[in-house]
Amino acid sequence: MSRSLFIVGTGAHARKVFHCASAGGYDVAAFVDENPAATAPIAGIPVLGVAALPAPGAGDAAFVAIGRADVRRRLMDRLAELGWALPALVHVAAWVAPDARVGDGVLVAAGAVVETASVIGRGAIVDIGVLVDHECEVGAYCHLRPGEILGPRTQVPAAA
């Protein structure tokens, strides 16, 4: 069964999410943007306005690829209310320990490591090359920047 994904956003982060999702077996159906003048970051993939986003079908999911935490939260909440699945995406070149917990709408980008018993909150971004050591807690909607290293048992509060 094909897994269709609608990526909300059309910036560079959306392009990164596209490559991660495609490598992970998703069929990216469209980008979605609130800006009617938005253009697709990947040639050949359509851009839909928010009003044109269809109701989710069986197997459909959405991923909010917006860097701003407040906007990511607002859009994820709205999509969840509409019944959309909001999967976590883990790049094929990342590693997440089997007992780590990764929330809905999280991106674990290429080269990132999430170690044993760590928890990554809803909508967080674990960017390229981030190392999250054991038993860390990363709050909802946080953005761990490329190359950051969290030592054991580090706690990062949720984004405001």
C-alpha atoms as a PDB file:
ATOM      1  CA  MET A   1       0.000   0.000   0.000  1.00  0.00           C
ATOM      2  CA  SER A   2       1.345   3.418  -0.960  1.00  0.00           C
ATOM      3  CA  ARG A   3       1.762   5.952   1.815  1.00  0.00           C
ATOM      4  CA  SER A   4       0.776   9.383   0.543  1.00  0.00           C
ATOM      5  CA  LEU A   5       2.226  12.400   2.321  1.00  0.00           C
ATOM      6  CA  PHE A   6       1.210  16.042   2.062  1.00  0.00           C
ATOM      7  CA  ILE A   7       4.027  18.365   3.161  1.00  0.00           C
ATOM      8  CA  VAL A   8       2.866  21.640   4.663  1.00  0.00           C
ATOM      9  CA  GLY A   9       5.387  24.325   3.755  1.00  0.00           C
ATOM     10  CA  THR A  10       7.425  25.172   0.668  1.00  0.00           C
ATOM     11  CA  GLY A  11      10.752  26.407   2.010  1.00  0.00           C
ATOM     12  CA  ALA A  12      14.143  24.770   2.396  1.00  0.00           C
ATOM     13  CA  HIS A  13      12.933  22.766   5.400  1.00  0.00           C
ATOM     14  CA  ALA A  14      10.114  21.352   3.247  1.00  0.00           C
ATOM     15  CA  ARG A  15      12.698  20.308   0.646  1.00  0.00           C
ATOM     16  CA  LYS A  16      14.675  18.476   3.368  1.00  0.00           C
ATOM     17  CA  VAL A  17      11.474  16.774   4.568  1.00  0.00           C
ATOM     18  CA  PHE A  18      10.659  15.756   0.986  1.00  0.00           C
ATOM     19  CA  HIS A  19      13.972  13.927   0.584  1.00  0.00           C
ATOM     20  CA  CYS A  20      13.645  12.255   3.986  1.00  0.00           C
ATOM     21  CA  ALA A  21      10.062  11.139   3.301  1.00  0.00           C
ATOM     22  CA  SER A  22      10.829   9.897  -0.216  1.00  0.00           C
ATOM     23  CA  ALA A  23      13.786   7.846   1.021  1.00  0.00           C
ATOM     24  CA  GLY A  24      11.505   6.429   3.725  1.00  0.00           C
ATOM     25  CA  GLY A  25       8.957   5.126   1.235  1.00  0.00           C
ATOM     26  CA  TYR A  26       6.391   7.927   1.183  1.00  0.00           C
ATOM     27  CA  ASP A  27       4.799   9.142  -2.029  1.00  0.00           C
ATOM     28  CA  VAL A  28       4.722  12.933  -1.660  1.00  0.00           C
ATOM     29  CA  ALA A  29       1.377  13.927  -3.163  1.00  0.00           C
ATOM     30  CA  ALA A  30       1.753  17.700  -2.801  1.00  0.00           C
ATOM     31  CA  PHE A  31       3.176  20.606  -0.892  1.00  0.00           C
ATOM     32  CA  VAL A  32       0.618  22.745   0.938  1.00  0.00           C
ATOM     33  CA  ASP A  33       1.051  26.434   1.686  1.00  0.00           C
ATOM     34  CA  GLU A  34      -1.015  29.331   3.074  1.00  0.00           C
ATOM     35  CA  ASN A  35       0.671  31.684   0.594  1.00  0.00           C
ATOM     36  CA  PRO A  36      -1.122  31.557  -2.788  1.00  0.00           C
ATOM     37  CA  ALA A  37       2.116  32.625  -4.537  1.00  0.00           C
ATOM     38  CA  ALA A  38       4.166  29.758  -3.062  1.00  0.00           C
ATOM     39  CA  THR A  39       6.164  27.593  -5.443  1.00  0.00           C
ATOM     40  CA  ALA A  40       7.223  23.993  -4.995  1.00  0.00           C
ATOM     41  CA  PRO A  41      10.751  23.409  -3.704  1.00  0.00           C
ATOM     42  CA  ILE A  42      10.834  20.205  -5.793  1.00  0.00           C
ATOM     43  CA  ALA A  43      10.003  20.323  -9.507  1.00  0.00           C
ATOM     44  CA  GLY A  44       7.023  18.247 -10.548  1.00  0.00           C
ATOM     45  CA  ILE A  45       5.281  18.208  -7.165  1.00  0.00           C
ATOM     46  CA  PRO A  46       2.145  20.374  -7.044  1.00  0.00           C
ATOM     47  CA  VAL A  47       1.453  23.077  -4.465  1.00  0.00           C
ATOM     48  CA  LEU A  48      -2.023  23.223  -2.964  1.00  0.00           C
ATOM     49  CA  GLY A  49      -3.553  26.072  -1.055  1.00  0.00           C
ATOM     50  CA  VAL A  50      -4.691  25.166   2.441  1.00  0.00           C
ATOM     51  CA  ALA A  51      -8.344  25.337   1.352  1.00  0.00           C
ATOM     52  CA  ALA A  52      -7.630  22.815  -1.439  1.00  0.00           C
ATOM     53  CA  LEU A  53      -6.181  20.193   0.924  1.00  0.00           C
ATOM     54  CA  PRO A  54      -8.473  17.169   0.587  1.00  0.00           C
ATOM     55  CA  ALA A  55      -9.848  15.245   3.535  1.00  0.00           C
ATOM     56  CA  PRO A  56      -7.398  12.511   4.540  1.00  0.00           C
ATOM     57  CA  GLY A  57      -7.926   9.177   2.850  1.00  0.00           C
ATOM     58  CA  ALA A  58      -6.815   5.764   4.050  1.00  0.00           C
ATOM     59  CA  GLY A  59      -3.033   5.783   4.331  1.00  0.00           C
ATOM     60  CA  ASP A  60      -2.733   9.559   3.883  1.00  0.00           C
ATOM     61  CA  ALA A  61      -0.588  11.612   6.244  1.00  0.00           C
ATOM     62  CA  ALA A  62       0.595  15.192   6.600  1.00  0.00           C
ATOM     63  CA  PHE A  63       3.883  16.613   7.810  1.00  0.00           C
ATOM     64  CA  VAL A  64       4.300  20.231   8.857  1.00  0.00           C
ATOM     65  CA  ALA A  65       7.673  21.379   7.504  1.00  0.00           C
ATOM     66  CA  ILE A  66       7.743  24.880   8.968  1.00  0.00           C
ATOM     67  CA  GLY A  67      10.715  26.105  10.990  1.00  0.00           C
ATOM     68  CA  ARG A  68       8.791  28.437  13.332  1.00  0.00           C
ATOM     69  CA  ALA A  69       7.607  26.504  16.392  1.00  0.00           C
ATOM     70  CA  ASP A  70       4.425  28.545  16.916  1.00  0.00           C
ATOM     71  CA  VAL A  71       3.313  28.054  13.318  1.00  0.00           C
ATOM     72  CA  ARG A  72       4.259  24.354  13.395  1.00  0.00           C
ATOM     73  CA  ARG A  73       2.151  23.894  16.549  1.00  0.00           C
ATOM     74  CA  ARG A  74      -0.858  25.768  15.111  1.00  0.00           C
ATOM     75  CA  LEU A  75      -0.838  23.820  11.854  1.00  0.00           C
ATOM     76  CA  MET A  76      -0.258  20.437  13.506  1.00  0.00           C
ATOM     77  CA  ASP A  77      -3.144  21.053  15.908  1.00  0.00           C
ATOM     78  CA  ARG A  78      -5.443  22.026  13.036  1.00  0.00           C
ATOM     79  CA  LEU A  79      -4.482  19.009  10.905  1.00  0.00           C
ATOM     80  CA  ALA A  80      -4.989  16.655  13.855  1.00  0.00           C
ATOM     81  CA  GLU A  81      -8.483  18.123  14.378  1.00  0.00           C
ATOM     82  CA  LEU A  82      -9.225  17.315  10.735  1.00  0.00           C
ATOM     83  CA  GLY A  83      -8.193  13.682  11.215  1.00  0.00           C
ATOM     84  CA  TRP A  84      -4.767  13.721   9.563  1.00  0.00           C
ATOM     85  CA  ALA A  85      -2.090  11.280  10.684  1.00  0.00           C
ATOM     86  CA  LEU A  86       1.054  13.219  11.621  1.00  0.00           C
ATOM     87  CA  PRO A  87       3.908  10.712  11.436  1.00  0.00           C
ATOM     88  CA  ALA A  88       7.425  11.155  12.697  1.00  0.00           C
ATOM     89  CA  LEU A  89       9.978  11.000   9.889  1.00  0.00           C
ATOM     90  CA  VAL A  90      13.361   9.414  10.550  1.00  0.00           C
ATOM     91  CA  HIS A  91      15.924   9.711   7.773  1.00  0.00           C
ATOM     92  CA  VAL A  92      17.381   6.403   6.577  1.00  0.00           C
ATOM     93  CA  ALA A  93      20.841   7.715   7.528  1.00  0.00           C
ATOM     94  CA  ALA A  94      19.786   8.518  11.125  1.00  0.00           C
ATOM     95  CA  TRP A  95      19.601   6.148  14.078  1.00  0.00           C
ATOM     96  CA  VAL A  96      16.957   6.026  16.791  1.00  0.00           C
ATOM     97  CA  ALA A  97      17.335   3.525  19.637  1.00  0.00           C
ATOM     98  CA  PRO A  98      14.524   0.956  19.815  1.00  0.00           C
ATOM     99  CA  ASP A  99      13.467   2.185  23.261  1.00  0.00           C
ATOM    100  CA  ALA A 100      13.567   5.906  22.439  1.00  0.00           C
ATOM    101  CA  ARG A 101      10.202   7.631  22.010  1.00  0.00           C
ATOM    102  CA  VAL A 102       9.674  10.015  19.116  1.00  0.00           C
ATOM    103  CA  GLY A 103       6.463  12.069  19.036  1.00  0.00           C
ATOM    104  CA  ASP A 104       4.105  12.842  16.190  1.00  0.00           C
ATOM    105  CA  GLY A 105       5.422  15.202  13.536  1.00  0.00           C
ATOM    106  CA  VAL A 106       9.079  14.909  14.579  1.00  0.00           C
ATOM    107  CA  LEU A 107      11.840  15.078  11.979  1.00  0.00           C
ATOM    108  CA  VAL A 108      15.038  13.157  12.747  1.00  0.00           C
ATOM    109  CA  ALA A 109      17.317  14.311   9.941  1.00  0.00           C
ATOM    110  CA  ALA A 110      20.299  12.614   8.266  1.00  0.00           C
ATOM    111  CA  GLY A 111      23.207  11.784  10.532  1.00  0.00           C
ATOM    112  CA  ALA A 112      21.264  12.345  13.754  1.00  0.00           C
ATOM    113  CA  VAL A 113      21.389   9.858  16.628  1.00  0.00           C
ATOM    114  CA  VAL A 114      18.742   9.508  19.332  1.00  0.00           C
ATOM    115  CA  GLU A 115      20.035   7.191  22.038  1.00  0.00           C
ATOM    116  CA  THR A 116      18.397   4.803  24.460  1.00  0.00           C
ATOM    117  CA  ALA A 117      15.476   5.922  26.661  1.00  0.00           C
ATOM    118  CA  SER A 118      15.409   9.439  25.167  1.00  0.00           C
ATOM    119  CA  VAL A 119      12.104  11.184  24.467  1.00  0.00           C
ATOM    120  CA  ILE A 120      11.624  13.614  21.582  1.00  0.00           C
ATOM    121  CA  GLY A 121       8.452  15.703  21.951  1.00  0.00           C
ATOM    122  CA  ARG A 122       5.732  16.299  19.387  1.00  0.00           C
ATOM    123  CA  GLY A 123       6.719  18.431  16.403  1.00  0.00           C
ATOM    124  CA  ALA A 124      10.404  18.719  17.340  1.00  0.00           C
ATOM    125  CA  ILE A 125      13.200  18.956  14.774  1.00  0.00           C
ATOM    126  CA  VAL A 126      16.338  16.891  15.400  1.00  0.00           C
ATOM    127  CA  ASP A 127      18.412  18.392  12.613  1.00  0.00           C
ATOM    128  CA  ILE A 128      21.374  16.977  10.678  1.00  0.00           C
ATOM    129  CA  GLY A 129      24.163  15.496  12.755  1.00  0.00           C
ATOM    130  CA  VAL A 130      22.486  16.078  16.143  1.00  0.00           C
ATOM    131  CA  LEU A 131      23.542  13.671  18.886  1.00  0.00           C
ATOM    132  CA  VAL A 132      21.027  13.021  21.660  1.00  0.00           C
ATOM    133  CA  ASP A 133      22.632  10.846  24.332  1.00  0.00           C
ATOM    134  CA  HIS A 134      20.781   8.474  26.644  1.00  0.00           C
ATOM    135  CA  GLU A 135      17.762   9.470  28.737  1.00  0.00           C
ATOM    136  CA  CYS A 136      17.365  12.973  27.309  1.00  0.00           C
ATOM    137  CA  GLU A 137      14.017  14.746  27.176  1.00  0.00           C
ATOM    138  CA  VAL A 138      13.467  17.155  24.295  1.00  0.00           C
ATOM    139  CA  GLY A 139      10.288  19.219  24.608  1.00  0.00           C
ATOM    140  CA  ALA A 140       7.573  19.657  22.022  1.00  0.00           C
ATOM    141  CA  TYR A 141       8.328  21.868  19.004  1.00  0.00           C
ATOM    142  CA  CYS A 142      12.015  22.346  19.893  1.00  0.00           C
ATOM    143  CA  HIS A 143      14.566  22.694  17.120  1.00  0.00           C
ATOM    144  CA  LEU A 144      17.914  21.073  17.841  1.00  0.00           C
ATOM    145  CA  ARG A 145      20.246  22.805  15.377  1.00  0.00           C
ATOM    146  CA  PRO A 146      22.701  20.975  13.106  1.00  0.00           C
ATOM    147  CA  GLY A 147      25.561  19.378  15.011  1.00  0.00           C
ATOM    148  CA  GLU A 148      24.215  20.004  18.527  1.00  0.00           C
ATOM    149  CA  ILE A 149      25.168  17.461  21.162  1.00  0.00           C
ATOM    150  CA  LEU A 150      23.013  16.720  24.181  1.00  0.00           C
ATOM    151  CA  GLY A 151      24.833  14.942  26.996  1.00  0.00           C
ATOM    152  CA  PRO A 152      23.215  12.197  29.066  1.00  0.00           C
ATOM    153  CA  ARG A 153      19.925  13.098  30.787  1.00  0.00           C
ATOM    154  CA  THR A 154      19.758  16.597  29.266  1.00  0.00           C
ATOM    155  CA  GLN A 155      16.333  18.212  29.420  1.00  0.00           C
ATOM    156  CA  VAL A 156      15.303  20.769  26.812  1.00  0.00           C
ATOM    157  CA  PRO A 157      12.021  22.560  27.635  1.00  0.00           C
ATOM    158  CA  ALA A 158       9.208  22.767  25.099  1.00  0.00           C
ATOM    159  CA  ALA A 159       9.360  25.677  22.666  1.00  0.00           C
ATOM    160  CA  ALA A 160       7.177  28.650  23.593  1.00  0.00           C
END
